[in-house]
Protein backbone atom coordinates (compact mmCIF):
# COMPACT_ATOMS: atom_id res chain seq x y z
CA MET A 1 -21.05 41.61 -7.49
CA HIS A 2 -20.13 45.21 -6.98
CA ALA A 3 -17.13 45.27 -4.73
CA ASN A 4 -13.92 43.36 -4.60
CA ASP A 5 -14.64 42.02 -1.16
CA SER A 6 -18.08 40.81 -2.22
CA ASN A 7 -16.93 38.73 -5.17
CA PRO A 8 -17.50 34.97 -4.95
CA PRO A 9 -14.37 32.79 -4.78
CA ASP A 10 -14.63 31.60 -8.43
CA GLY A 11 -12.44 28.66 -7.44
CA GLY A 12 -10.78 27.29 -4.32
CA TYR A 13 -13.32 25.51 -2.12
CA GLY A 14 -15.87 26.27 -4.81
CA TRP A 15 -14.59 23.27 -6.75
CA VAL A 16 -15.36 21.03 -3.76
CA VAL A 17 -18.90 22.38 -3.91
CA VAL A 18 -19.00 21.67 -7.66
CA VAL A 19 -17.92 18.05 -7.09
CA SER A 20 -20.56 17.67 -4.35
CA ALA A 21 -23.21 19.10 -6.68
CA PHE A 22 -21.94 16.74 -9.40
CA MET A 23 -22.66 13.81 -7.08
CA VAL A 24 -26.07 15.16 -6.08
CA MET A 25 -27.06 15.55 -9.74
CA GLY A 26 -26.08 11.94 -10.33
CA LEU A 27 -27.97 10.57 -7.34
CA THR A 28 -31.15 12.50 -8.16
CA ALA A 29 -31.62 13.50 -11.79
CA ALA A 30 -29.79 10.43 -13.14
CA VAL A 31 -32.09 8.12 -11.17
CA LEU A 32 -35.10 9.93 -12.60
CA LYS A 33 -33.58 9.83 -16.08
CA THR A 34 -33.03 6.06 -16.05
CA PHE A 35 -36.34 5.21 -14.37
CA GLY A 36 -37.64 4.18 -17.78
CA LEU A 37 -35.99 0.80 -17.12
CA PHE A 38 -38.64 0.21 -14.45
CA PHE A 39 -41.52 1.32 -16.69
CA VAL A 40 -42.32 -2.01 -18.35
CA GLU A 41 -41.66 -3.99 -15.15
CA ILE A 42 -44.11 -1.90 -13.12
CA GLN A 43 -46.66 -1.81 -15.95
CA GLN A 44 -46.66 -5.59 -16.23
CA HIS A 45 -46.73 -6.12 -12.45
CA PHE A 46 -49.86 -4.01 -11.99
CA ASP A 47 -51.26 -4.80 -15.46
CA GLY A 48 -51.74 -1.09 -16.18
CA LEU A 49 -51.84 1.14 -19.24
CA ALA A 50 -48.88 3.19 -20.43
CA SER A 51 -50.70 6.39 -19.44
CA THR A 52 -51.44 5.02 -15.93
CA THR A 53 -47.87 3.86 -15.31
CA SER A 54 -46.40 7.10 -16.64
CA TRP A 55 -48.13 8.96 -13.78
CA ILE A 56 -45.42 7.68 -11.42
CA THR A 57 -42.79 9.63 -13.33
CA SER A 58 -45.21 12.50 -13.81
CA VAL A 59 -45.82 12.84 -10.05
CA THR A 60 -42.07 12.68 -9.40
CA ILE A 61 -41.40 15.42 -11.93
CA ALA A 62 -44.27 17.57 -10.67
CA ILE A 63 -43.23 17.36 -7.01
CA PHE A 64 -39.61 17.93 -8.03
CA HIS A 65 -40.71 21.27 -9.49
CA LEU A 66 -43.42 22.15 -6.96
CA GLY A 67 -41.04 21.62 -4.08
CA ALA A 68 -38.42 23.98 -5.54
CA PRO A 69 -39.87 27.21 -4.03
CA VAL A 70 -40.07 25.50 -0.64
CA ALA A 71 -36.46 24.34 -1.00
CA SER A 72 -35.35 27.83 -2.05
CA SER A 73 -37.16 29.42 0.89
CA LEU A 74 -35.53 26.96 3.29
CA CYS A 75 -32.13 27.75 1.77
CA VAL A 76 -32.76 31.44 2.49
CA ARG A 77 -34.02 30.74 6.01
CA TYR A 78 -31.43 28.10 6.93
CA THR A 79 -28.59 26.86 4.69
CA HIS A 80 -28.16 24.98 1.42
CA ARG A 81 -26.35 22.28 3.39
CA ALA A 82 -29.30 21.53 5.69
CA VAL A 83 -31.78 21.36 2.81
CA VAL A 84 -29.61 18.95 0.77
CA ILE A 85 -29.26 16.60 3.75
CA THR A 86 -33.04 16.65 4.22
CA GLY A 87 -33.49 15.89 0.54
CA GLY A 88 -31.24 12.85 0.77
CA LEU A 89 -33.32 11.41 3.60
CA LEU A 90 -36.57 12.01 1.69
CA ALA A 91 -35.22 10.41 -1.50
CA PHE A 92 -34.17 7.32 0.44
CA SER A 93 -37.60 7.10 2.11
CA GLY A 94 -39.38 7.25 -1.25
CA MET A 95 -37.43 4.37 -2.74
CA ALA A 96 -37.41 2.28 0.45
CA LEU A 97 -41.19 2.52 0.83
CA GLY A 98 -41.68 1.96 -2.90
CA PHE A 99 -40.03 -1.42 -2.31
CA LEU A 100 -43.31 -2.59 -0.75
CA GLY A 101 -45.13 -2.06 -4.07
CA LEU A 102 -48.63 -2.39 -2.60
CA ASN A 103 -50.53 -0.87 -5.52
CA MET A 104 -50.28 1.88 -8.12
CA LEU A 105 -51.51 4.57 -5.70
CA TRP A 106 -48.80 3.51 -3.26
CA MET A 107 -46.22 3.95 -6.03
CA TYR A 108 -47.57 7.43 -6.74
CA ALA A 109 -47.18 8.36 -3.06
CA THR A 110 -43.71 6.86 -2.49
CA THR A 111 -41.65 6.56 -5.66
CA GLY A 112 -43.62 9.50 -7.02
CA PHE A 113 -44.26 12.04 -4.24
CA LEU A 114 -41.54 11.31 -1.66
CA GLN A 115 -38.86 10.66 -4.26
CA GLY A 116 -39.82 13.84 -6.11
CA LEU A 117 -39.66 15.89 -2.91
CA GLY A 118 -36.27 14.40 -2.08
CA ILE A 119 -34.94 15.24 -5.54
CA SER A 120 -36.30 18.78 -5.24
CA PHE A 121 -34.72 19.37 -1.82
CA SER A 122 -31.38 18.04 -3.09
CA TRP A 123 -31.17 19.32 -6.67
CA THR A 124 -32.40 22.89 -6.11
CA PRO A 125 -29.94 23.97 -3.38
CA ALA A 126 -27.07 22.06 -5.03
CA ILE A 127 -27.38 23.92 -8.33
CA SER A 128 -28.07 27.19 -6.49
CA ILE A 129 -24.97 27.15 -4.29
CA VAL A 130 -22.73 26.53 -7.31
CA SER A 131 -24.00 29.75 -8.88
CA HIS A 132 -23.26 31.61 -5.63
CA TYR A 133 -19.69 30.31 -5.50
CA PHE A 134 -18.90 31.31 -9.10
CA SER A 135 -19.32 34.43 -11.23
CA LYS A 136 -16.87 34.57 -14.14
CA ARG A 137 -16.78 30.77 -14.45
CA ARG A 138 -20.44 30.23 -13.62
CA ALA A 139 -21.38 28.67 -16.97
CA LEU A 140 -18.50 26.19 -16.76
CA ALA A 141 -19.15 25.36 -13.10
CA ASN A 142 -22.86 24.76 -13.75
CA ALA A 143 -22.03 22.59 -16.76
CA ILE A 144 -19.63 20.43 -14.74
CA ALA A 145 -22.10 20.09 -11.87
CA SER A 146 -24.99 19.18 -14.16
CA ALA A 147 -22.78 16.66 -15.98
CA GLY A 148 -23.07 14.43 -12.91
CA GLU A 149 -26.52 13.49 -14.17
CA CYS A 150 -24.98 12.09 -17.38
CA ALA A 151 -21.97 10.40 -15.80
CA PHE A 152 -24.17 8.52 -13.34
CA ALA A 153 -26.85 7.76 -15.93
CA PHE A 154 -24.13 6.17 -18.08
CA MET A 155 -23.36 3.77 -15.21
CA PHE A 156 -26.91 3.45 -13.92
CA GLY A 157 -28.30 2.12 -17.22
CA PRO A 158 -26.60 -1.30 -17.16
CA PHE A 159 -26.38 -1.29 -13.35
CA PHE A 160 -30.13 -0.85 -12.84
CA GLN A 161 -30.80 -3.45 -15.53
CA TRP A 162 -28.59 -5.87 -13.61
CA LEU A 163 -30.28 -5.03 -10.30
CA ILE A 164 -33.71 -5.71 -11.79
CA SER A 165 -32.59 -9.04 -13.24
CA GLN A 166 -30.98 -10.14 -9.96
CA TYR A 167 -33.33 -8.75 -7.30
CA GLY A 168 -36.49 -7.82 -9.19
CA TRP A 169 -37.76 -4.27 -9.59
CA LYS A 170 -38.74 -4.03 -5.91
CA GLY A 171 -35.34 -5.09 -4.62
CA ALA A 172 -33.69 -2.73 -7.09
CA LEU A 173 -35.68 0.20 -5.67
CA LEU A 174 -34.52 -0.59 -2.12
CA ILE A 175 -30.85 -0.77 -3.14
CA ILE A 176 -31.11 2.47 -5.11
CA GLY A 177 -32.64 4.16 -2.07
CA GLY A 178 -29.66 3.09 0.02
CA ILE A 179 -27.28 4.52 -2.56
CA GLN A 180 -29.17 7.83 -2.45
CA LEU A 181 -28.26 8.25 1.22
CA ASN A 182 -24.89 9.46 -0.07
CA ILE A 183 -26.68 12.72 -0.91
CA CYS A 184 -26.46 13.53 2.81
CA VAL A 185 -22.67 13.22 2.68
CA CYS A 186 -22.54 15.57 -0.30
CA GLY A 187 -24.72 18.05 1.59
CA VAL A 188 -22.28 18.16 4.50
CA LEU A 189 -19.55 19.33 2.08
CA MET A 190 -21.62 22.30 0.89
CA ARG A 191 -20.13 24.88 3.23
CA PRO A 192 -22.09 28.16 3.33
CA LEU A 193 -20.35 31.23 1.91
CA ALA A 194 -19.18 33.96 4.26
CA SER A 195 -21.48 36.98 4.27
CA SER A 196 -18.73 39.09 2.67
CA CYS A 197 -18.90 36.87 -0.40
CA LEU A 198 -22.64 37.17 -0.90
CA PRO A 199 -23.98 39.46 -3.62
CA GLU A 200 -25.14 42.90 -2.58
CA ALA A 201 -28.75 43.93 -2.68
CA SER A 202 -29.88 45.63 -5.82
CA HIS A 203 -32.99 46.89 -7.47
CA SER A 204 -32.48 45.59 -10.96
CA GLU A 205 -33.57 47.36 -14.06
CA THR A 206 -34.72 45.36 -17.01
CA GLY A 207 -31.91 46.40 -19.30
CA THR A 208 -29.15 44.00 -20.34
CA PRO A 209 -25.76 45.35 -21.34
CA PRO A 210 -24.12 44.55 -24.64
CA GLY A 211 -22.18 41.36 -24.99
CA ASN A 212 -23.25 37.90 -23.99
CA GLY A 213 -25.85 38.97 -21.44
CA THR A 214 -23.99 37.69 -18.41
CA SER A 215 -24.59 40.75 -16.27
CA ARG A 216 -27.36 43.19 -15.44
CA ILE A 217 -27.70 46.95 -15.00
CA ASP A 218 -28.22 47.48 -11.31
CA LYS A 219 -29.01 50.36 -9.03
CA GLU A 220 -27.12 49.32 -5.96
CA ASP A 221 -27.99 50.10 -2.45
CA LYS A 222 -24.72 48.74 -1.08
CA SER A 223 -26.30 46.84 1.80
CA PRO A 224 -25.17 43.21 1.85
CA ILE A 225 -27.90 40.84 0.85
CA THR A 226 -29.10 37.86 2.75
CA HIS A 227 -32.71 37.78 1.52
CA LYS A 228 -34.95 36.72 4.39
CA THR A 229 -38.09 36.59 2.28
CA PHE A 230 -38.99 34.90 -0.97
CA ASN A 231 -39.33 37.38 -3.85
CA TRP A 232 -42.67 36.57 -5.46
CA MET A 233 -42.63 39.86 -7.39
CA LEU A 234 -40.46 38.26 -10.07
CA VAL A 235 -43.67 37.20 -11.83
CA ARG A 236 -44.16 40.87 -12.76
CA ARG A 237 -41.01 40.94 -14.88
CA PRO A 238 -41.82 40.30 -18.57
CA GLU A 239 -38.46 38.63 -19.21
CA PHE A 240 -38.98 36.17 -16.36
CA VAL A 241 -42.51 35.39 -17.54
CA LEU A 242 -41.31 34.65 -21.08
CA TYR A 243 -38.55 32.42 -19.78
CA THR A 244 -40.91 30.46 -17.53
CA ILE A 245 -43.29 29.86 -20.45
CA PHE A 246 -40.33 28.47 -22.34
CA GLY A 247 -39.61 26.30 -19.29
CA ILE A 248 -43.16 24.93 -19.19
CA LEU A 249 -43.06 23.86 -22.84
CA ALA A 250 -39.55 22.47 -22.52
CA ALA A 251 -40.51 20.43 -19.44
CA MET A 252 -43.40 18.91 -21.39
CA SER A 253 -40.80 17.51 -23.79
CA PHE A 254 -37.64 16.82 -21.80
CA PHE A 255 -39.01 13.95 -19.73
CA VAL A 256 -40.76 12.11 -22.56
CA PRO A 257 -37.81 10.60 -24.52
CA PRO A 258 -36.11 8.88 -21.54
CA LEU A 259 -39.49 7.47 -20.52
CA PHE A 260 -40.39 5.97 -23.90
CA LEU A 261 -36.97 5.18 -25.37
CA VAL A 262 -36.82 1.76 -23.71
CA PRO A 263 -40.40 0.74 -24.68
CA LEU A 264 -39.73 1.96 -28.25
CA SER A 265 -36.66 -0.24 -28.50
CA TYR A 266 -38.65 -3.21 -27.22
CA SER A 267 -41.33 -2.57 -29.84
CA LEU A 268 -38.61 -2.71 -32.51
CA GLY A 269 -37.56 -6.14 -31.26
CA ILE A 270 -34.24 -5.00 -29.79
CA ASP A 271 -32.77 -7.26 -27.08
CA GLU A 272 -32.93 -6.05 -23.47
CA SER A 273 -29.14 -5.99 -23.09
CA TRP A 274 -28.81 -3.71 -26.12
CA THR A 275 -31.65 -1.53 -24.84
CA ALA A 276 -29.76 -0.76 -21.64
CA SER A 277 -26.79 0.33 -23.75
CA LEU A 278 -28.98 2.97 -25.40
CA LEU A 279 -29.33 4.73 -22.06
CA SER A 280 -25.56 4.54 -21.63
CA ILE A 281 -25.03 6.10 -25.07
CA LEU A 282 -27.56 8.78 -24.20
CA ALA A 283 -25.72 9.58 -20.97
CA MET A 284 -22.27 9.57 -22.59
CA VAL A 285 -23.08 12.04 -25.37
CA ASP A 286 -25.17 14.11 -22.93
CA PHE A 287 -22.06 14.38 -20.73
CA ALA A 288 -19.94 15.50 -23.69
CA GLY A 289 -22.56 18.04 -24.76
CA ARG A 290 -22.74 19.65 -21.32
CA LEU A 291 -19.00 20.03 -20.90
CA LEU A 292 -18.45 21.29 -24.45
CA CYS A 293 -21.30 23.80 -24.25
CA GLY A 294 -20.23 24.93 -20.77
CA TRP A 295 -16.70 25.54 -22.02
CA TYR A 296 -17.97 27.43 -25.07
CA ALA A 297 -20.40 29.54 -23.01
CA ASN A 298 -17.54 30.43 -20.66
CA LEU A 299 -15.67 31.98 -23.62
CA ARG A 300 -18.54 34.51 -23.89
CA VAL A 301 -18.40 34.46 -27.68
CA THR A 302 -22.16 33.99 -28.05
CA LYS A 303 -24.93 35.47 -25.94
CA THR A 304 -26.24 32.68 -23.70
CA VAL A 305 -29.88 33.10 -24.74
CA HIS A 306 -28.82 32.79 -28.41
CA LEU A 307 -26.90 29.63 -27.58
CA LEU A 308 -29.91 28.18 -25.77
CA THR A 309 -32.21 28.97 -28.71
CA MET A 310 -29.88 27.16 -31.10
CA THR A 311 -29.63 24.07 -28.90
CA ILE A 312 -33.41 23.90 -28.43
CA THR A 313 -33.90 24.04 -32.20
CA LEU A 314 -31.38 21.24 -32.73
CA ILE A 315 -32.82 19.01 -30.03
CA SER A 316 -36.34 19.37 -31.46
CA THR A 317 -35.03 18.38 -34.88
CA SER A 318 -33.37 15.31 -33.36
CA LEU A 319 -36.62 14.25 -31.67
CA MET A 320 -38.52 14.57 -34.94
CA LEU A 321 -35.98 12.33 -36.67
CA LEU A 322 -35.54 9.73 -33.90
CA PRO A 323 -38.79 7.83 -34.66
CA LEU A 324 -37.47 7.12 -38.18
CA ALA A 325 -35.12 4.53 -36.66
CA ASN A 326 -36.04 0.92 -37.40
CA ASN A 327 -33.10 -1.02 -35.93
CA TYR A 328 -30.57 -0.77 -33.12
CA LEU A 329 -27.87 1.04 -35.11
CA SER A 330 -30.14 3.79 -36.43
CA LEU A 331 -31.84 4.17 -33.03
CA ALA A 332 -28.43 4.49 -31.35
CA ILE A 333 -27.34 7.18 -33.84
CA PHE A 334 -30.47 9.29 -33.41
CA THR A 335 -30.32 8.78 -29.64
CA GLY A 336 -26.76 10.08 -29.73
CA PHE A 337 -27.79 13.26 -31.55
CA TYR A 338 -30.67 13.83 -29.17
CA GLY A 339 -28.50 13.23 -26.10
CA PHE A 340 -25.74 15.59 -27.24
CA PHE A 341 -28.07 18.49 -27.95
CA PHE A 342 -30.01 17.83 -24.76
CA GLY A 343 -26.73 18.13 -22.86
CA THR A 344 -25.90 21.46 -24.49
CA THR A 345 -29.35 22.74 -23.53
CA VAL A 346 -29.12 21.73 -19.88
CA ALA A 347 -25.61 23.18 -19.61
CA VAL A 348 -26.78 26.77 -20.17
CA HIS A 349 -30.45 27.04 -19.21
CA ILE A 350 -29.74 27.77 -15.51
CA THR A 351 -27.06 30.29 -16.51
CA VAL A 352 -29.60 32.03 -18.75
CA LEU A 353 -32.00 32.26 -15.79
CA ALA A 354 -29.27 33.94 -13.72
CA ASP A 355 -28.66 36.37 -16.59
CA VAL A 356 -32.37 37.19 -16.82
CA VAL A 357 -32.98 38.01 -13.14
CA GLY A 358 -29.52 38.74 -11.69
CA MET A 359 -27.86 36.92 -8.79
CA PRO A 360 -29.54 38.80 -5.89
CA ASP A 361 -32.89 37.28 -6.92
CA PHE A 362 -31.51 34.00 -8.25
CA ASP A 363 -32.62 31.74 -5.36
CA SER A 364 -36.17 33.07 -5.55
CA ALA A 365 -36.14 32.93 -9.35
CA LEU A 366 -34.93 29.33 -9.40
CA GLY A 367 -37.67 28.25 -7.00
CA LEU A 368 -40.38 30.12 -8.90
CA PHE A 369 -39.08 28.88 -12.25
CA MET A 370 -39.19 25.27 -11.08
CA LEU A 371 -42.66 25.78 -9.57
CA ILE A 372 -44.18 27.20 -12.73
CA ARG A 373 -42.31 24.75 -14.95
CA SER A 374 -43.86 21.90 -12.97
CA THR A 375 -47.07 22.21 -14.97
CA GLY A 376 -45.16 21.10 -18.05
CA GLY A 377 -43.47 18.21 -16.27
CA PHE A 378 -46.80 17.15 -14.79
CA VAL A 379 -48.73 17.24 -18.06
CA GLY A 380 -46.04 16.11 -20.51
CA PRO A 381 -45.55 12.38 -19.73
CA PRO A 382 -49.29 11.55 -19.26
CA LEU A 383 -50.15 13.50 -22.43
CA ALA A 384 -47.47 11.62 -24.34
CA GLY A 385 -48.72 8.36 -22.82
CA LEU A 386 -52.28 9.17 -23.92
CA ILE A 387 -51.08 9.95 -27.44
CA VAL A 388 -49.14 6.67 -27.48
CA ASP A 389 -52.22 4.73 -26.33
CA MET A 390 -54.36 6.39 -29.02
CA ALA A 391 -51.80 5.91 -31.79
CA GLY A 392 -50.69 2.48 -30.66
CA ASP A 393 -47.09 3.45 -31.38
CA TYR A 394 -44.39 4.83 -29.09
CA ARG A 395 -43.11 7.01 -31.94
CA ALA A 396 -46.05 9.37 -31.45
CA GLY A 397 -44.68 10.47 -28.08
CA PHE A 398 -41.42 11.63 -29.68
CA TYR A 399 -43.25 13.65 -32.33
CA MET A 400 -45.23 15.39 -29.60
CA ALA A 401 -42.05 16.22 -27.67
CA GLY A 402 -40.31 17.63 -30.76
CA ALA A 403 -43.25 19.82 -31.75
CA THR A 404 -43.54 21.27 -28.24
CA LEU A 405 -39.85 22.19 -28.21
CA VAL A 406 -40.21 24.04 -31.51
CA LEU A 407 -42.93 26.15 -29.90
CA SER A 408 -40.76 26.81 -26.83
CA ALA A 409 -37.96 28.20 -29.00
CA GLY A 410 -40.33 30.95 -30.14
CA PHE A 411 -40.54 32.32 -26.60
CA LEU A 412 -36.75 32.44 -26.35
CA VAL A 413 -36.65 34.51 -29.54
CA THR A 414 -39.27 36.86 -28.05
CA LEU A 415 -37.25 37.12 -24.82
CA ASP A 416 -34.13 38.07 -26.75
CA GLN A 417 -35.99 40.71 -28.75
CA LEU A 418 -37.37 42.22 -25.53
CA GLN A 419 -33.91 42.31 -23.95
CA GLN A 420 -32.40 43.97 -27.02
CA ARG A 421 -35.15 46.59 -27.12
CA LYS A 422 -34.70 47.49 -23.45
CA GLU A 423 -30.94 47.56 -23.94
CA ARG A 424 -31.34 50.13 -26.72
CA GLU A 425 -33.73 52.18 -24.59
CA SER A 426 -31.30 52.09 -21.67
CA GLN A 427 -28.42 53.24 -23.86
CA ALA A 428 -30.55 56.04 -25.29
CA ASN A 429 -31.50 57.25 -21.82
CA THR A 430 -27.87 57.44 -20.70
CA LYS A 431 -26.80 59.76 -23.56
CA PRO A 432 -26.28 63.44 -22.47
CA GLU A 433 -29.19 65.60 -23.47
CA LYS A 434 -28.49 68.69 -25.56
CA SER A 435 -29.75 72.02 -24.28
CA THR A 436 -32.85 73.36 -25.99
CA LEU A 437 -32.12 76.95 -24.90
CA PRO A 438 -31.39 79.30 -27.85
CA TYR A 439 -28.46 81.08 -26.14
CA PRO A 440 -25.73 79.21 -24.24
CA SER A 441 -25.04 82.38 -22.26
CA LEU A 442 -28.27 81.80 -20.37
CA HIS A 443 -26.42 79.08 -18.44
CA LEU A 444 -23.80 81.51 -17.11
CA PRO A 445 -25.67 82.88 -14.09
CA LYS A 446 -26.15 79.39 -12.68
CA LEU A 447 -22.48 78.48 -13.24
CA GLN A 448 -21.28 81.75 -11.71
CA LYS A 449 -23.48 81.25 -8.69
CA ARG A 450 -22.04 77.80 -8.12
CA ARG A 451 -18.48 79.15 -8.40
CA TYR A 452 -19.16 81.89 -5.88
CA GLN A 453 -20.55 79.35 -3.44
CA GLU A 454 -17.51 77.12 -3.83
CA HIS A 455 -15.23 80.16 -3.34
CA ASP A 456 -17.06 81.10 -0.16
CA ILE A 457 -16.69 77.58 1.21
CA VAL A 458 -12.95 77.51 0.53
CA VAL A 459 -12.45 80.86 2.26
């Protein structure tokens, strides 16, 4: 934002948008997060393997990511509001048709493909418009919006368990689809920003200024931006490439624990009612982690990429320790640690993306990031399921997720080193160069000529 009249509101109606995004996160990501409650039911109904059943979640995750560039392009062409409403209708269709439960392929196409596309068309514009409405408080606003996933997951855990027990897994899917129609209502509330509040066009350099990395060095061309085309050239930026590689590895891990936490608890002999409470604990501490990390990031004490690296390291450690649990209490404790650090990670990773590319290219970057990251979400759950089938133990999936996150942290460190190097180069280039001429008097003719010209103009 380069002019006072082009600054986003950073409040006001922006908080209505945040609440709407909060609801959208809950009705999309929280449903995906608690879908592990359906895992055993669907597996037993179709008498399938863990790896076969996990493809439902894998397809959902993959389409969620693959649809992000399409959703971003539609946001640029139309409005965030229209895309969110479309996403709500698609999400409902996926669950309503999944109610039929014809076979596993049908589940891939409905609860997998349609539901994933609906989540993509809802989640992507919802998180994007929050970043457009906020600048100084962007980290906090994103954290609050993303916390909807945790708040709803906390309620959805026991609620979905009750729905399954009362109406069966098919009836539960139909009811959940009806609830997801509320996404359309949230979309209506996402009022587009006036053109005067949109960021101006800029050709961004790769340098990042000192501090927490929440702004970029731009060469402005003062024309207001309403990008009409999708910026595919972001893949040429080294920083963006490094961050997307991190995203791929992280996506391979993030969706594994919620998928196998319930089956792991069953394998330990934990009662179903207690198992549902694990998901509630996970959601509760996740919620606390997001808000706390969002508040801390808003203080700008620590560079956001440093904060993300620390949280990724801590979450990988938690995943490595979680399989050591052998009863409900120990499993609940390790689940709590994992959930808290997962929340801190999610709270800042979108903010870091905005810092890496700058707001003028954020919509395109978010779509591309989700598209490329989809490979990790597509491969992660089936790979973990294959490892579980080979090992005969659900713990193996958690070890795989933890090891992959350790590797992803390395790319964040590399990204930070690259940003620091370009920052130093940028600072060096802006220092005034000393004259290499042996006699300062050699500059006088040029100065005198300029003075004469100015004198002539005044006269």
